[in-house]
């Protein structure tokens, strides 16, 4: 079983100038290790839409890699996004989606997702939706060894990370978190991201 913070650190170590979209249980831990201007916390709005928000960015900025740090609960809320990605005439080659799978809706109290961590398989779902590059990891050493090559693959790429349960609080923008991208409104954060993308 993986530890979420360790996975995020490995991703941060790999990152150069990619756009990174986080949500729910990944937003606060990511804010602890990254203050990059191309970070965007998809919180404070409709839940479950980080992956499709990032898809829009990937389509608008095909020259920039877009990385999504999603949770299993959030991904379940918007499964249609997976089919939308692969159904495009030209699926985004710059799209890399991580789903942190701990079998629970972590930020609302760790309620179990439907059939969490038993018969449900994210790799089966992703392949069935049409993803050709699909990976799953539950071992940190293997993830660290394979991440550099996955990072540079032509997308769209789907990566399932089997992580241990944690206890993140709700990552709202007004909760007093000392991380820059959680200290401003959604509108301000979106405006800053747009400005940063224009410069990148």
C-alpha atoms as a PDB file:
ATOM      1  CA  UNK A   1       0.000   0.000   0.000  1.00  0.00           C
ATOM      2  CA  UNK A   2       1.252   3.460  -0.908  1.00  0.00           C
ATOM      3  CA  UNK A   3       1.341   6.571   1.285  1.00  0.00           C
ATOM      4  CA  UNK A   4      -0.299   9.511  -0.459  1.00  0.00           C
ATOM      5  CA  UNK A   5       2.247  12.113   0.641  1.00  0.00           C
ATOM      6  CA  UNK A   6       5.134   9.951  -0.599  1.00  0.00           C
ATOM      7  CA  UNK A   7       3.467   9.558  -3.998  1.00  0.00           C
ATOM      8  CA  UNK A   8       2.847  13.279  -4.285  1.00  0.00           C
ATOM      9  CA  UNK A   9       6.461  14.010  -3.422  1.00  0.00           C
ATOM     10  CA  UNK A  10       7.640  11.671  -6.177  1.00  0.00           C
ATOM     11  CA  UNK A  11       5.335  13.477  -8.604  1.00  0.00           C
ATOM     12  CA  UNK A  12       6.584  16.872  -7.407  1.00  0.00           C
ATOM     13  CA  UNK A  13      10.191  15.730  -7.888  1.00  0.00           C
ATOM     14  CA  UNK A  14       9.370  14.764 -11.485  1.00  0.00           C
ATOM     15  CA  UNK A  15       7.516  17.982 -12.267  1.00  0.00           C
ATOM     16  CA  UNK A  16       9.123  20.852 -14.192  1.00  0.00           C
ATOM     17  CA  UNK A  17       6.661  23.261 -15.853  1.00  0.00           C
ATOM     18  CA  UNK A  18       3.553  21.077 -16.124  1.00  0.00           C
ATOM     19  CA  UNK A  19       0.118  22.352 -15.124  1.00  0.00           C
ATOM     20  CA  UNK A  20      -1.049  20.419 -12.046  1.00  0.00           C
ATOM     21  CA  UNK A  21      -4.731  20.278 -11.080  1.00  0.00           C
ATOM     22  CA  UNK A  22      -5.485  18.921  -7.613  1.00  0.00           C
ATOM     23  CA  UNK A  23      -8.721  18.239  -5.786  1.00  0.00           C
ATOM     24  CA  UNK A  24     -10.110  17.102  -2.429  1.00  0.00           C
ATOM     25  CA  UNK A  25      -7.690  14.876  -0.476  1.00  0.00           C
ATOM     26  CA  UNK A  26      -4.710  15.822  -2.669  1.00  0.00           C
ATOM     27  CA  UNK A  27      -5.051  19.609  -2.492  1.00  0.00           C
ATOM     28  CA  UNK A  28      -3.679  20.284   0.990  1.00  0.00           C
ATOM     29  CA  UNK A  29      -0.810  17.739   0.819  1.00  0.00           C
ATOM     30  CA  UNK A  30       0.197  19.129  -2.588  1.00  0.00           C
ATOM     31  CA  UNK A  31       0.121  22.666  -1.222  1.00  0.00           C
ATOM     32  CA  UNK A  32       2.639  21.615   1.432  1.00  0.00           C
ATOM     33  CA  UNK A  33       5.228  20.662  -1.188  1.00  0.00           C
ATOM     34  CA  UNK A  34       4.542  22.952  -4.154  1.00  0.00           C
ATOM     35  CA  UNK A  35       3.988  26.679  -4.705  1.00  0.00           C
ATOM     36  CA  UNK A  36       4.302  26.570  -8.497  1.00  0.00           C
ATOM     37  CA  UNK A  37       2.264  29.224 -10.384  1.00  0.00           C
ATOM     38  CA  UNK A  38       0.818  26.448 -12.572  1.00  0.00           C
ATOM     39  CA  UNK A  39      -0.792  24.679  -9.602  1.00  0.00           C
ATOM     40  CA  UNK A  40      -4.589  24.829  -9.445  1.00  0.00           C
ATOM     41  CA  UNK A  41      -6.788  23.544  -6.620  1.00  0.00           C
ATOM     42  CA  UNK A  42     -10.131  22.414  -8.021  1.00  0.00           C
ATOM     43  CA  UNK A  43     -11.974  22.983  -4.749  1.00  0.00           C
ATOM     44  CA  UNK A  44     -14.663  25.431  -3.710  1.00  0.00           C
ATOM     45  CA  UNK A  45     -16.813  24.480  -6.687  1.00  0.00           C
ATOM     46  CA  UNK A  46     -18.777  21.443  -7.906  1.00  0.00           C
ATOM     47  CA  UNK A  47     -17.201  18.243  -6.607  1.00  0.00           C
ATOM     48  CA  UNK A  48     -15.809  15.652  -8.981  1.00  0.00           C
ATOM     49  CA  UNK A  49     -14.879  17.908 -11.888  1.00  0.00           C
ATOM     50  CA  UNK A  50     -11.099  18.189 -11.602  1.00  0.00           C
ATOM     51  CA  UNK A  51     -10.502  15.658 -14.391  1.00  0.00           C
ATOM     52  CA  UNK A  52     -12.809  17.398 -16.868  1.00  0.00           C
ATOM     53  CA  UNK A  53     -11.563  20.866 -15.918  1.00  0.00           C
ATOM     54  CA  UNK A  54      -8.037  19.622 -16.636  1.00  0.00           C
ATOM     55  CA  UNK A  55      -9.227  18.128 -19.914  1.00  0.00           C
ATOM     56  CA  UNK A  56     -10.365  21.579 -21.018  1.00  0.00           C
ATOM     57  CA  UNK A  57      -6.946  22.993 -20.187  1.00  0.00           C
ATOM     58  CA  UNK A  58      -5.191  20.171 -22.028  1.00  0.00           C
ATOM     59  CA  UNK A  59      -7.251  20.827 -25.145  1.00  0.00           C
ATOM     60  CA  UNK A  60      -6.674  24.591 -24.931  1.00  0.00           C
ATOM     61  CA  UNK A  61      -2.925  24.243 -24.301  1.00  0.00           C
ATOM     62  CA  UNK A  62      -1.786  21.184 -26.296  1.00  0.00           C
ATOM     63  CA  UNK A  63       1.844  22.218 -25.909  1.00  0.00           C
ATOM     64  CA  UNK A  64       1.688  21.942 -22.081  1.00  0.00           C
ATOM     65  CA  UNK A  65       1.438  18.692 -20.140  1.00  0.00           C
ATOM     66  CA  UNK A  66      -1.515  18.702 -17.755  1.00  0.00           C
ATOM     67  CA  UNK A  67      -1.371  16.496 -14.661  1.00  0.00           C
ATOM     68  CA  UNK A  68      -4.474  15.680 -12.609  1.00  0.00           C
ATOM     69  CA  UNK A  69      -4.203  14.530  -8.983  1.00  0.00           C
ATOM     70  CA  UNK A  70      -7.663  13.097  -8.452  1.00  0.00           C
ATOM     71  CA  UNK A  71      -9.264  10.908  -5.802  1.00  0.00           C
ATOM     72  CA  UNK A  72     -11.319   7.780  -6.309  1.00  0.00           C
ATOM     73  CA  UNK A  73     -14.415   9.405  -4.810  1.00  0.00           C
ATOM     74  CA  UNK A  74     -14.076  12.424  -7.072  1.00  0.00           C
ATOM     75  CA  UNK A  75     -13.479  10.240 -10.122  1.00  0.00           C
ATOM     76  CA  UNK A  76     -16.592   8.194  -9.352  1.00  0.00           C
ATOM     77  CA  UNK A  77     -18.654  11.387  -9.367  1.00  0.00           C
ATOM     78  CA  UNK A  78     -17.704  12.061 -12.981  1.00  0.00           C
ATOM     79  CA  UNK A  79     -16.903   8.746 -14.653  1.00  0.00           C
ATOM     80  CA  UNK A  80     -18.200  10.054 -17.954  1.00  0.00           C
ATOM     81  CA  UNK A  81     -15.059  12.173 -18.227  1.00  0.00           C
ATOM     82  CA  UNK A  82     -13.033   9.046 -18.998  1.00  0.00           C
ATOM     83  CA  UNK A  83     -15.229   8.210 -21.969  1.00  0.00           C
ATOM     84  CA  UNK A  84     -15.214  11.842 -23.108  1.00  0.00           C
ATOM     85  CA  UNK A  85     -11.409  11.886 -23.174  1.00  0.00           C
ATOM     86  CA  UNK A  86     -11.017   8.781 -25.298  1.00  0.00           C
ATOM     87  CA  UNK A  87     -13.979   9.560 -27.577  1.00  0.00           C
ATOM     88  CA  UNK A  88     -12.323  12.713 -28.890  1.00  0.00           C
ATOM     89  CA  UNK A  89     -11.152  12.547 -32.498  1.00  0.00           C
ATOM     90  CA  UNK A  90      -7.705  13.437 -31.196  1.00  0.00           C
ATOM     91  CA  UNK A  91      -7.418  12.467 -27.506  1.00  0.00           C
ATOM     92  CA  UNK A  92      -5.089  14.828 -25.626  1.00  0.00           C
ATOM     93  CA  UNK A  93      -1.504  13.628 -25.863  1.00  0.00           C
ATOM     94  CA  UNK A  94      -0.556  15.954 -22.977  1.00  0.00           C
ATOM     95  CA  UNK A  95      -2.998  14.527 -20.389  1.00  0.00           C
ATOM     96  CA  UNK A  96      -1.838  12.516 -17.358  1.00  0.00           C
ATOM     97  CA  UNK A  97      -4.459  11.445 -14.808  1.00  0.00           C
ATOM     98  CA  UNK A  98      -3.592  10.027 -11.388  1.00  0.00           C
ATOM     99  CA  UNK A  99      -6.382   8.539  -9.276  1.00  0.00           C
ATOM    100  CA  UNK A 100      -5.467   8.127  -5.611  1.00  0.00           C
ATOM    101  CA  UNK A 101      -7.541   5.130  -4.575  1.00  0.00           C
ATOM    102  CA  UNK A 102      -8.093   4.580  -0.860  1.00  0.00           C
ATOM    103  CA  UNK A 103     -11.619   3.249  -1.149  1.00  0.00           C
ATOM    104  CA  UNK A 104     -13.234   6.160   0.663  1.00  0.00           C
ATOM    105  CA  UNK A 105     -14.609   9.678   0.421  1.00  0.00           C
ATOM    106  CA  UNK A 106     -11.746  10.919   2.560  1.00  0.00           C
ATOM    107  CA  UNK A 107     -12.475  14.601   3.129  1.00  0.00           C
ATOM    108  CA  UNK A 108     -16.082  14.039   4.185  1.00  0.00           C
ATOM    109  CA  UNK A 109     -15.230  11.478   6.858  1.00  0.00           C
ATOM    110  CA  UNK A 110     -13.873   8.386   5.068  1.00  0.00           C
ATOM    111  CA  UNK A 111     -17.234   6.961   4.125  1.00  0.00           C
ATOM    112  CA  UNK A 112     -16.567   3.943   1.882  1.00  0.00           C
ATOM    113  CA  UNK A 113     -17.039   4.374  -1.828  1.00  0.00           C
ATOM    114  CA  UNK A 114     -19.324   1.769  -3.437  1.00  0.00           C
ATOM    115  CA  UNK A 115     -17.513  -1.573  -3.265  1.00  0.00           C
ATOM    116  CA  UNK A 116     -14.279   0.238  -2.432  1.00  0.00           C
ATOM    117  CA  UNK A 117     -11.085  -1.817  -2.764  1.00  0.00           C
ATOM    118  CA  UNK A 118     -12.875  -5.122  -3.348  1.00  0.00           C
ATOM    119  CA  UNK A 119     -14.258  -6.001  -6.792  1.00  0.00           C
ATOM    120  CA  UNK A 120     -13.942  -2.511  -8.249  1.00  0.00           C
ATOM    121  CA  UNK A 121     -10.932  -2.044 -10.546  1.00  0.00           C
ATOM    122  CA  UNK A 122      -9.854   1.370 -11.809  1.00  0.00           C
ATOM    123  CA  UNK A 123      -7.587  -0.184 -14.410  1.00  0.00           C
ATOM    124  CA  UNK A 124     -10.509  -2.207 -15.784  1.00  0.00           C
ATOM    125  CA  UNK A 125     -12.677   0.929 -15.892  1.00  0.00           C
ATOM    126  CA  UNK A 126      -9.972   2.987 -17.627  1.00  0.00           C
ATOM    127  CA  UNK A 127      -9.245   0.301 -20.216  1.00  0.00           C
ATOM    128  CA  UNK A 128     -12.952  -0.212 -20.809  1.00  0.00           C
ATOM    129  CA  UNK A 129     -13.337   3.526 -21.406  1.00  0.00           C
ATOM    130  CA  UNK A 130     -10.653   3.318 -24.078  1.00  0.00           C
ATOM    131  CA  UNK A 131      -7.435   4.371 -22.346  1.00  0.00           C
ATOM    132  CA  UNK A 132      -4.480   2.569 -23.901  1.00  0.00           C
ATOM    133  CA  UNK A 133      -1.853   3.683 -21.349  1.00  0.00           C
ATOM    134  CA  UNK A 134      -3.065   2.354 -17.991  1.00  0.00           C
ATOM    135  CA  UNK A 135      -0.994   1.642 -14.881  1.00  0.00           C
ATOM    136  CA  UNK A 136      -1.583   0.651 -11.272  1.00  0.00           C
ATOM    137  CA  UNK A 137       0.829   0.798  -8.358  1.00  0.00           C
ATOM    138  CA  UNK A 138       0.738  -0.337  -4.747  1.00  0.00           C
ATOM    139  CA  UNK A 139       4.501  -0.355  -4.207  1.00  0.00           C
ATOM    140  CA  UNK A 140       6.514   2.847  -3.758  1.00  0.00           C
ATOM    141  CA  UNK A 141       9.769   1.527  -5.209  1.00  0.00           C
ATOM    142  CA  UNK A 142       8.070   0.309  -8.364  1.00  0.00           C
ATOM    143  CA  UNK A 143       6.189   3.590  -8.740  1.00  0.00           C
ATOM    144  CA  UNK A 144       9.393   5.600  -8.289  1.00  0.00           C
ATOM    145  CA  UNK A 145      11.180   3.449 -10.862  1.00  0.00           C
ATOM    146  CA  UNK A 146       8.471   3.665 -13.540  1.00  0.00           C
ATOM    147  CA  UNK A 147       7.218   7.224 -13.019  1.00  0.00           C
ATOM    148  CA  UNK A 148       9.927   8.953 -15.122  1.00  0.00           C
ATOM    149  CA  UNK A 149       9.031   6.967 -18.243  1.00  0.00           C
ATOM    150  CA  UNK A 150       5.267   7.262 -17.641  1.00  0.00           C
ATOM    151  CA  UNK A 151       5.669  11.016 -17.196  1.00  0.00           C
ATOM    152  CA  UNK A 152       6.914  11.462 -20.752  1.00  0.00           C
ATOM    153  CA  UNK A 153       4.556   9.049 -22.494  1.00  0.00           C
ATOM    154  CA  UNK A 154       2.150  10.287 -25.122  1.00  0.00           C
ATOM    155  CA  UNK A 155      -1.221  10.544 -23.439  1.00  0.00           C
ATOM    156  CA  UNK A 156      -3.851  10.265 -22.408  1.00  0.00           C
ATOM    157  CA  UNK A 157      -2.386   8.243 -19.547  1.00  0.00           C
ATOM    158  CA  UNK A 158      -4.285   6.811 -16.555  1.00  0.00           C
ATOM    159  CA  UNK A 159      -2.480   5.845 -13.328  1.00  0.00           C
ATOM    160  CA  UNK A 160      -4.196   4.227 -10.340  1.00  0.00           C
ATOM    161  CA  UNK A 161      -2.355   4.623  -7.030  1.00  0.00           C
ATOM    162  CA  UNK A 162      -3.495   2.237  -4.288  1.00  0.00           C
ATOM    163  CA  UNK A 163      -2.972   4.421  -1.235  1.00  0.00           C
ATOM    164  CA  UNK A 164      -3.562   3.939   2.466  1.00  0.00           C
ATOM    165  CA  UNK A 165      -6.517   5.656   4.082  1.00  0.00           C
ATOM    166  CA  UNK A 166      -5.794   9.105   5.491  1.00  0.00           C
ATOM    167  CA  UNK A 167      -7.748  11.840   7.257  1.00  0.00           C
ATOM    168  CA  UNK A 168      -7.546  15.089   5.290  1.00  0.00           C
ATOM    169  CA  UNK A 169     -10.007  17.828   6.279  1.00  0.00           C
ATOM    170  CA  UNK A 170     -12.193  19.435   3.601  1.00  0.00           C
ATOM    171  CA  UNK A 171      -9.844  21.583   1.457  1.00  0.00           C
ATOM    172  CA  UNK A 172     -11.984  24.714   1.290  1.00  0.00           C
ATOM    173  CA  UNK A 173     -10.551  28.075   0.263  1.00  0.00           C
ATOM    174  CA  UNK A 174     -11.598  29.770   3.504  1.00  0.00           C
ATOM    175  CA  UNK A 175     -10.350  27.225   6.038  1.00  0.00           C
ATOM    176  CA  UNK A 176      -7.207  29.055   7.068  1.00  0.00           C
ATOM    177  CA  UNK A 177      -4.800  26.771   5.186  1.00  0.00           C
ATOM    178  CA  UNK A 178      -1.370  28.459   4.804  1.00  0.00           C
ATOM    179  CA  UNK A 179      -0.963  27.431   1.164  1.00  0.00           C
ATOM    180  CA  UNK A 180      -1.118  30.141  -1.510  1.00  0.00           C
ATOM    181  CA  UNK A 181      -3.493  28.396  -3.877  1.00  0.00           C
ATOM    182  CA  UNK A 182      -6.046  27.854  -1.108  1.00  0.00           C
ATOM    183  CA  UNK A 183      -5.977  31.447   0.143  1.00  0.00           C
ATOM    184  CA  UNK A 184      -7.926  33.058  -2.676  1.00  0.00           C
ATOM    185  CA  UNK A 185     -11.319  32.698  -4.285  1.00  0.00           C
ATOM    186  CA  UNK A 186     -11.943  30.289  -7.122  1.00  0.00           C
ATOM    187  CA  UNK A 187     -12.289  33.236  -9.505  1.00  0.00           C
ATOM    188  CA  UNK A 188      -8.959  34.740  -8.387  1.00  0.00           C
ATOM    189  CA  UNK A 189      -7.216  31.384  -8.605  1.00  0.00           C
ATOM    190  CA  UNK A 190      -8.592  30.739 -12.094  1.00  0.00           C
ATOM    191  CA  UNK A 191      -7.507  34.206 -13.253  1.00  0.00           C
ATOM    192  CA  UNK A 192      -3.977  33.650 -11.918  1.00  0.00           C
ATOM    193  CA  UNK A 193      -3.742  30.273 -13.618  1.00  0.00           C
ATOM    194  CA  UNK A 194      -4.815  31.800 -16.923  1.00  0.00           C
ATOM    195  CA  UNK A 195      -2.157  34.502 -16.592  1.00  0.00           C
ATOM    196  CA  UNK A 196       0.506  31.912 -15.733  1.00  0.00           C
ATOM    197  CA  UNK A 197      -0.462  29.737 -18.696  1.00  0.00           C
ATOM    198  CA  UNK A 198      -0.197  32.740 -21.002  1.00  0.00           C
ATOM    199  CA  UNK A 199       3.385  33.284 -19.843  1.00  0.00           C
ATOM    200  CA  UNK A 200       4.384  29.616 -19.932  1.00  0.00           C
END
